[in-house]
C-alpha atoms as a PDB file:
ATOM      1  CA  MET A   1     -25.327-135.629-212.131  1.00  0.00           C
ATOM      2  CA  ALA A   2     -26.766-139.139-212.014  1.00  0.00           C
ATOM      3  CA  ASP A   3     -24.700-142.170-212.978  1.00  0.00           C
ATOM      4  CA  GLN A   4     -27.744-143.915-214.476  1.00  0.00           C
ATOM      5  CA  PRO A   5     -29.634-142.468-217.433  1.00  0.00           C
ATOM      6  CA  THR A   6     -33.214-141.462-216.744  1.00  0.00           C
ATOM      7  CA  ASN A   7     -35.810-143.850-218.118  1.00  0.00           C
ATOM      8  CA  LEU A   8     -38.153-141.440-219.834  1.00  0.00           C
ATOM      9  CA  ASP A   9     -40.648-144.244-220.598  1.00  0.00           C
ATOM     10  CA  ALA A  10     -41.368-144.557-216.865  1.00  0.00           C
ATOM     11  CA  HIS A  11     -42.445-140.903-216.709  1.00  0.00           C
ATOM     12  CA  ARG A  12     -44.845-141.089-219.663  1.00  0.00           C
ATOM     13  CA  GLY A  13     -48.475-142.085-219.630  1.00  0.00           C
ATOM     14  CA  MET A  14     -49.581-145.455-220.984  1.00  0.00           C
ATOM     15  CA  ALA A  15     -50.772-143.975-224.300  1.00  0.00           C
ATOM     16  CA  ALA A  16     -47.445-142.239-224.862  1.00  0.00           C
ATOM     17  CA  GLN A  17     -45.534-145.423-223.965  1.00  0.00           C
ATOM     18  CA  LYS A  18     -47.666-147.452-226.343  1.00  0.00           C
ATOM     19  CA  ALA A  19     -47.142-144.927-229.156  1.00  0.00           C
ATOM     20  CA  THR A  20     -43.385-145.006-228.522  1.00  0.00           C
ATOM     21  CA  ASP A  21     -43.338-148.801-228.530  1.00  0.00           C
ATOM     22  CA  LEU A  22     -45.288-148.889-231.801  1.00  0.00           C
ATOM     23  CA  ARG A  23     -42.890-146.405-233.433  1.00  0.00           C
ATOM     24  CA  ARG A  24     -39.890-148.454-232.307  1.00  0.00           C
ATOM     25  CA  LEU A  25     -41.433-151.708-233.505  1.00  0.00           C
ATOM     26  CA  ARG A  26     -42.406-150.204-236.865  1.00  0.00           C
ATOM     27  CA  SER A  27     -38.882-148.885-237.286  1.00  0.00           C
ATOM     28  CA  GLU A  28     -37.422-152.343-236.519  1.00  0.00           C
ATOM     29  CA  VAL A  29     -39.805-154.035-238.954  1.00  0.00           C
ATOM     30  CA  GLU A  30     -38.945-151.525-241.715  1.00  0.00           C
ATOM     31  CA  ALA A  31     -35.228-152.111-241.132  1.00  0.00           C
ATOM     32  CA  ASP A  32     -35.733-155.900-241.243  1.00  0.00           C
ATOM     33  CA  GLN A  33     -37.720-155.610-244.461  1.00  0.00           C
ATOM     34  CA  GLN A  34     -35.006-153.492-246.062  1.00  0.00           C
ATOM     35  CA  ALA A  35     -32.343-155.999-245.030  1.00  0.00           C
ATOM     36  CA  LEU A  36     -34.439-158.818-246.475  1.00  0.00           C
ATOM     37  CA  ARG A  37     -34.908-156.962-249.768  1.00  0.00           C
ATOM     38  CA  THR A  38     -31.138-156.402-249.937  1.00  0.00           C
ATOM     39  CA  ARG A  39     -30.384-160.094-249.267  1.00  0.00           C
ATOM     40  CA  GLN A  40     -33.052-161.137-251.783  1.00  0.00           C
ATOM     41  CA  ALA A  41     -31.498-158.903-254.458  1.00  0.00           C
ATOM     42  CA  GLU A  42     -28.061-160.412-253.713  1.00  0.00           C
ATOM     43  CA  LEU A  43     -29.470-163.934-254.040  1.00  0.00           C
ATOM     44  CA  GLU A  44     -31.211-163.116-257.309  1.00  0.00           C
ATOM     45  CA  ASP A  45     -28.022-161.559-258.689  1.00  0.00           C
ATOM     46  CA  LEU A  46     -26.136-164.725-257.750  1.00  0.00           C
ATOM     47  CA  LEU A  47     -28.769-166.995-259.312  1.00  0.00           C
ATOM     48  CA  ALA A  48     -28.753-164.947-262.552  1.00  0.00           C
ATOM     49  CA  ALA A  49     -24.964-164.587-262.730  1.00  0.00           C
ATOM     50  CA  ALA A  50     -24.303-167.812-264.600  1.00  0.00           C
ATOM     51  CA  PRO A  51     -26.153-170.731-266.110  1.00  0.00           C
ATOM     52  CA  ALA A  52     -26.699-173.768-263.906  1.00  0.00           C
ATOM     53  CA  SER A  53     -23.832-176.234-264.076  1.00  0.00           C
ATOM     54  CA  ASP A  54     -26.070-179.247-263.347  1.00  0.00           C
ATOM     55  CA  TRP A  55     -29.669-180.282-262.723  1.00  0.00           C
ATOM     56  CA  HIS A  56     -29.381-179.642-258.995  1.00  0.00           C
ATOM     57  CA  GLU A  57     -28.549-175.960-259.547  1.00  0.00           C
ATOM     58  CA  ALA A  58     -31.296-175.637-262.150  1.00  0.00           C
ATOM     59  CA  VAL A  59     -33.818-177.139-259.745  1.00  0.00           C
ATOM     60  CA  GLU A  60     -32.760-174.727-256.979  1.00  0.00           C
ATOM     61  CA  LYS A  61     -33.314-171.766-259.297  1.00  0.00           C
ATOM     62  CA  ALA A  62     -36.716-173.130-260.341  1.00  0.00           C
ATOM     63  CA  ARG A  63     -37.670-173.758-256.695  1.00  0.00           C
ATOM     64  CA  TYR A  64     -36.850-170.173-255.846  1.00  0.00           C
ATOM     65  CA  LEU A  65     -38.941-168.812-258.709  1.00  0.00           C
ATOM     66  CA  LEU A  66     -41.867-171.122-257.962  1.00  0.00           C
ATOM     67  CA  GLY A  67     -41.690-170.040-254.306  1.00  0.00           C
ATOM     68  CA  LEU A  68     -41.936-166.393-255.333  1.00  0.00           C
ATOM     69  CA  PHE A  69     -44.831-167.205-257.632  1.00  0.00           C
ATOM     70  CA  ALA A  70     -46.609-169.177-254.908  1.00  0.00           C
ATOM     71  CA  GLN A  71     -46.291-166.221-252.510  1.00  0.00           C
ATOM     72  CA  SER A  72     -48.005-163.948-255.012  1.00  0.00           C
ATOM     73  CA  LEU A  73     -50.906-166.350-255.609  1.00  0.00           C
ATOM     74  CA  ASP A  74     -54.347-165.563-254.334  1.00  0.00           C
ATOM     75  CA  ALA A  75     -55.225-167.857-251.422  1.00  0.00           C
ATOM     76  CA  SER A  76     -58.275-169.090-253.310  1.00  0.00           C
ATOM     77  CA  ASP A  77     -56.198-170.392-256.250  1.00  0.00           C
ATOM     78  CA  LEU A  78     -55.847-173.907-254.918  1.00  0.00           C
ATOM     79  CA  ARG A  79     -55.363-175.462-258.344  1.00  0.00           C
ATOM     80  CA  ARG A  80     -52.094-173.546-258.966  1.00  0.00           C
ATOM     81  CA  ARG A  81     -50.873-174.165-255.415  1.00  0.00           C
ATOM     82  CA  LYS A  82     -51.486-177.884-255.912  1.00  0.00           C
ATOM     83  CA  LEU A  83     -49.603-177.778-259.224  1.00  0.00           C
ATOM     84  CA  ILE A  84     -46.645-176.021-257.583  1.00  0.00           C
ATOM     85  CA  ASP A  85     -46.614-178.592-254.774  1.00  0.00           C
ATOM     86  CA  ARG A  86     -46.607-181.399-257.310  1.00  0.00           C
ATOM     87  CA  VAL A  87     -43.799-179.868-259.333  1.00  0.00           C
ATOM     88  CA  MET A  88     -41.720-179.500-256.158  1.00  0.00           C
ATOM     89  CA  ALA A  89     -42.415-183.191-255.358  1.00  0.00           C
ATOM     90  CA  ASP A  90     -41.413-184.087-258.906  1.00  0.00           C
ATOM     91  CA  PHE A  91     -38.124-182.258-258.427  1.00  0.00           C
ATOM     92  CA  ASP A  92     -37.458-184.246-255.253  1.00  0.00           C
ATOM     93  CA  HIS A  93     -38.371-187.522-256.949  1.00  0.00           C
ATOM     94  CA  LEU A  94     -36.251-186.905-260.057  1.00  0.00           C
ATOM     95  CA  LEU A  95     -33.245-185.622-258.092  1.00  0.00           C
ATOM     96  CA  ASP A  96     -33.378-188.686-255.809  1.00  0.00           C
ATOM     97  CA  LYS A  97     -33.546-190.863-258.893  1.00  0.00           C
ATOM     98  CA  THR A  98     -30.456-189.210-260.444  1.00  0.00           C
ATOM     99  CA  THR A  99     -28.391-189.631-257.255  1.00  0.00           C
ATOM    100  CA  ASP A 100     -29.258-193.338-257.142  1.00  0.00           C
ATOM    101  CA  ASP A 101     -28.004-193.939-260.682  1.00  0.00           C
END
């Protein structure tokens, strides 16, 4: 009996190795996507759990929602992307202004 496990990939042809690599990669991507969906659901549950206690929390919730909306936009919809960018800049400007007061 050998002390080292046999590397089966070394005994396969290139096509079989490529197919195996693709299956492994697809499996990893699917697992990563599931983990991301789980974390996203946890975040959304946390954001929805209670009303914002101040403007900073409200802005973070709005940023999250605008980010989701921006991801779903068609790439050709530049007008809405520009509007989202300006709203995000407005958030930054107004939050900076409130911390200076």
